[in-house]
Amino acid sequence: MKFKKDLSNFILNNYNFDGDILEVGTNKGYTTVILAYVADILGKKVYSYDISQENINFANNLMKKFNIDNVNIIKKDVYKEKWDLDNIGFVFVDCVHERNYFVQDVKNSFDIIKGKNNKIVCHDYGLMQKDGDSIKKVISDNNYKILCYLGEKDNWNKNGTGRVIDWEGVVLGFS
């Protein structure tokens, strides 16, 4: 829950982006709910990509349960299909947690957002640090900058899906 709280506070306290919010990796839609409430406060919409129809159905039912009407969940393979939305100002990435996918997610995120002041947040950043500082190197090599971290610092993964050796989330911008 710390990450979700930090994410919503970060967006609300740093609101200076044009456009709507894109979530890459809806999963069951729990973070989508948080993003929807934040977007509602800011007068924005949330678009969310997921490849799984089962996840999309679950998330859409969750949106109905909470009477959320500012979310559009789109079925898309983000690694094979073009990200074709206009007017995106903030991107939240929680998709495949591997280095090559992370690189593609970050590149596509910065390609789609409007304006140089816009930022992206990547969840489960610490899970991708398996190759030492390879993710930090990818970030610096591509002229992106780590602006801050969100959530838990390290060893927060209680599900046993991998050793977490860095922060739960990272905020990226242009250097």
Protein backbone atom coordinates (compact mmCIF):
# COMPACT_ATOMS: atom_id res chain seq x y z
CA MET A 1 0.00 0.00 0.00
CA LYS A 2 2.93 2.36 0.57
CA PHE A 3 3.67 2.41 -3.14
CA LYS A 4 0.07 3.24 -4.11
CA LYS A 5 -0.02 6.04 -1.53
CA ASP A 6 3.33 7.40 -2.75
CA LEU A 7 2.16 7.16 -6.37
CA SER A 8 -1.03 9.10 -5.78
CA ASN A 9 0.76 11.71 -3.67
CA PHE A 10 3.48 12.09 -6.29
CA ILE A 11 0.96 12.72 -9.07
CA LEU A 12 -1.13 15.14 -7.00
CA ASN A 13 1.88 17.04 -5.62
CA ASN A 14 3.70 17.23 -8.95
CA TYR A 15 0.78 17.88 -11.22
CA ASN A 16 2.21 19.88 -14.09
CA PHE A 17 1.63 17.56 -17.01
CA ASP A 18 -0.57 18.01 -20.03
CA GLY A 19 -2.81 15.18 -21.11
CA ASP A 20 -4.30 12.10 -19.55
CA ILE A 21 -2.81 9.12 -17.70
CA LEU A 22 -1.74 5.88 -19.37
CA GLU A 23 -1.26 2.72 -17.34
CA VAL A 24 0.73 -0.03 -19.05
CA GLY A 25 -0.24 -3.33 -17.44
CA THR A 26 -3.73 -3.21 -15.92
CA ASN A 27 -3.54 -6.61 -14.27
CA LYS A 28 -6.59 -6.85 -11.96
CA GLY A 29 -7.10 -3.07 -11.88
CA TYR A 30 -6.28 -2.23 -8.27
CA THR A 31 -3.75 0.46 -9.19
CA THR A 32 -6.11 1.54 -11.97
CA VAL A 33 -8.65 2.43 -9.27
CA ILE A 34 -6.09 4.64 -7.51
CA LEU A 35 -5.11 6.29 -10.80
CA ALA A 36 -8.79 6.86 -11.63
CA TYR A 37 -9.44 8.69 -8.37
CA VAL A 38 -6.34 10.86 -8.85
CA ALA A 39 -7.30 11.52 -12.48
CA ASP A 40 -10.80 12.52 -11.39
CA ILE A 41 -9.39 15.11 -8.97
CA LEU A 42 -7.25 16.50 -11.82
CA GLY A 43 -10.02 16.38 -14.42
CA LYS A 44 -8.19 13.69 -16.41
CA LYS A 45 -8.94 10.26 -17.85
CA VAL A 46 -7.06 6.98 -17.45
CA TYR A 47 -6.29 4.67 -20.34
CA SER A 48 -4.91 1.26 -19.47
CA TYR A 49 -3.35 -1.41 -21.68
CA ASP A 50 -3.42 -5.12 -20.91
CA ILE A 51 -3.06 -8.22 -23.08
CA SER A 52 -5.27 -10.51 -20.98
CA GLN A 53 -9.02 -10.45 -21.59
CA GLU A 54 -9.48 -12.12 -18.19
CA ASN A 55 -7.62 -9.23 -16.49
CA ILE A 56 -9.60 -6.68 -18.51
CA ASN A 57 -12.92 -8.25 -17.52
CA PHE A 58 -11.91 -8.35 -13.86
CA ALA A 59 -10.71 -4.73 -13.94
CA ASN A 60 -13.83 -3.50 -15.75
CA ASN A 61 -16.00 -5.16 -13.09
CA LEU A 62 -13.89 -3.47 -10.41
CA MET A 63 -14.45 -0.09 -12.09
CA LYS A 64 -18.22 -0.75 -12.08
CA LYS A 65 -18.10 -1.77 -8.41
CA PHE A 66 -16.53 1.58 -7.50
CA ASN A 67 -18.64 3.59 -9.97
CA ILE A 68 -15.57 4.71 -11.89
CA ASP A 69 -16.33 6.11 -15.32
CA ASN A 70 -13.10 7.86 -16.35
CA VAL A 71 -11.17 4.67 -17.28
CA ASN A 72 -10.84 3.01 -20.67
CA ILE A 73 -9.10 -0.38 -20.59
CA ILE A 74 -7.75 -1.42 -23.97
CA LYS A 75 -6.67 -4.90 -25.00
CA LYS A 76 -3.18 -4.56 -26.47
CA ASP A 77 0.08 -6.45 -26.72
CA VAL A 78 2.32 -3.50 -25.86
CA TYR A 79 5.38 -5.28 -27.25
CA LYS A 80 3.90 -6.02 -30.67
CA GLU A 81 1.36 -3.23 -31.20
CA LYS A 82 1.80 0.52 -31.53
CA TRP A 83 0.90 2.68 -28.56
CA ASP A 84 -1.58 4.83 -30.43
CA LEU A 85 -3.11 7.22 -27.91
CA ASP A 86 -3.03 10.99 -28.17
CA ASN A 87 -2.96 13.47 -25.32
CA ILE A 88 -1.01 11.38 -22.78
CA GLY A 89 0.88 13.36 -20.16
CA PHE A 90 1.78 10.75 -17.54
CA VAL A 91 2.62 7.05 -17.89
CA PHE A 92 2.59 4.39 -15.18
CA VAL A 93 4.35 1.16 -16.20
CA ASP A 94 3.73 -2.14 -14.38
CA CYS A 95 4.22 -4.70 -17.11
CA VAL A 96 6.87 -7.37 -17.78
CA HIS A 97 9.64 -6.99 -15.20
CA GLU A 98 12.65 -7.87 -17.31
CA ARG A 99 15.42 -5.62 -18.61
CA ASN A 100 14.62 -5.72 -22.35
CA TYR A 101 10.92 -5.16 -21.77
CA PHE A 102 11.69 -2.35 -19.32
CA VAL A 103 13.80 -0.62 -21.98
CA GLN A 104 10.98 -0.89 -24.52
CA ASP A 105 8.39 0.30 -21.98
CA VAL A 106 10.43 3.37 -21.06
CA LYS A 107 11.16 4.27 -24.68
CA ASN A 108 7.51 3.87 -25.71
CA SER A 109 6.40 5.86 -22.67
CA PHE A 110 8.58 8.83 -23.47
CA ASP A 111 7.60 8.61 -27.13
CA ILE A 112 3.90 8.91 -26.31
CA ILE A 113 3.87 11.57 -23.60
CA LYS A 114 3.41 15.23 -24.40
CA GLY A 115 5.98 17.82 -23.29
CA LYS A 116 9.37 17.64 -21.69
CA ASN A 117 8.05 18.19 -18.14
CA ASN A 118 6.18 14.93 -18.17
CA LYS A 119 7.26 11.94 -16.16
CA ILE A 120 6.81 8.21 -16.03
CA VAL A 121 6.67 5.89 -13.05
CA CYS A 122 7.86 2.30 -13.26
CA HIS A 123 6.68 -0.20 -10.66
CA ASP A 124 8.75 -3.15 -9.42
CA TYR A 125 11.96 -1.36 -10.35
CA GLY A 126 13.86 -3.30 -7.68
CA LEU A 127 12.95 -6.64 -9.26
CA MET A 128 14.81 -5.67 -12.43
CA GLN A 129 18.13 -4.97 -10.73
CA LYS A 130 19.24 -8.58 -11.08
CA ASP A 131 22.04 -7.56 -13.43
CA GLY A 132 23.65 -5.16 -10.96
CA ASP A 133 23.10 -1.59 -12.05
CA SER A 134 22.13 -2.50 -15.61
CA ILE A 135 18.78 -0.73 -15.35
CA LYS A 136 20.45 2.42 -14.02
CA LYS A 137 22.88 2.24 -16.95
CA VAL A 138 20.01 1.90 -19.44
CA ILE A 139 18.40 4.95 -17.88
CA SER A 140 21.52 7.11 -18.06
CA ASP A 141 22.54 5.87 -21.53
CA ASN A 142 19.19 7.04 -22.92
CA ASN A 143 19.27 10.52 -21.37
CA TYR A 144 16.61 9.72 -18.81
CA LYS A 145 17.03 10.73 -15.22
CA ILE A 146 15.89 9.11 -11.97
CA LEU A 147 13.95 11.89 -10.27
CA CYS A 148 12.91 10.02 -7.13
CA TYR A 149 11.87 6.65 -5.76
CA LEU A 150 8.47 5.50 -4.51
CA GLY A 151 7.31 2.76 -2.18
CA GLU A 152 9.55 0.47 -0.19
CA LYS A 153 13.34 0.72 -0.34
CA ASP A 154 14.43 -2.93 -0.66
CA ASN A 155 13.55 -6.46 0.44
CA TRP A 156 9.86 -5.48 0.26
CA ASN A 157 8.76 -8.36 -1.95
CA LYS A 158 6.92 -10.68 0.39
CA ASN A 159 5.54 -12.86 -2.43
CA GLY A 160 8.85 -14.60 -3.02
CA THR A 161 8.87 -13.89 -6.77
CA GLY A 162 12.41 -12.56 -6.70
CA ARG A 163 14.91 -10.80 -4.48
CA VAL A 164 14.34 -7.08 -4.50
CA ILE A 165 17.61 -5.19 -4.25
CA ASP A 166 16.38 -1.68 -4.93
CA TRP A 167 13.32 0.53 -4.64
CA GLU A 168 9.81 -0.63 -5.42
CA GLY A 169 9.17 2.22 -7.86
CA VAL A 170 11.12 4.83 -9.77
CA VAL A 171 10.10 8.17 -11.31
CA LEU A 172 11.87 8.97 -14.56
CA GLY A 173 12.17 12.20 -16.49
CA PHE A 174 14.45 13.68 -19.14
CA SER A 175 17.98 14.62 -18.12
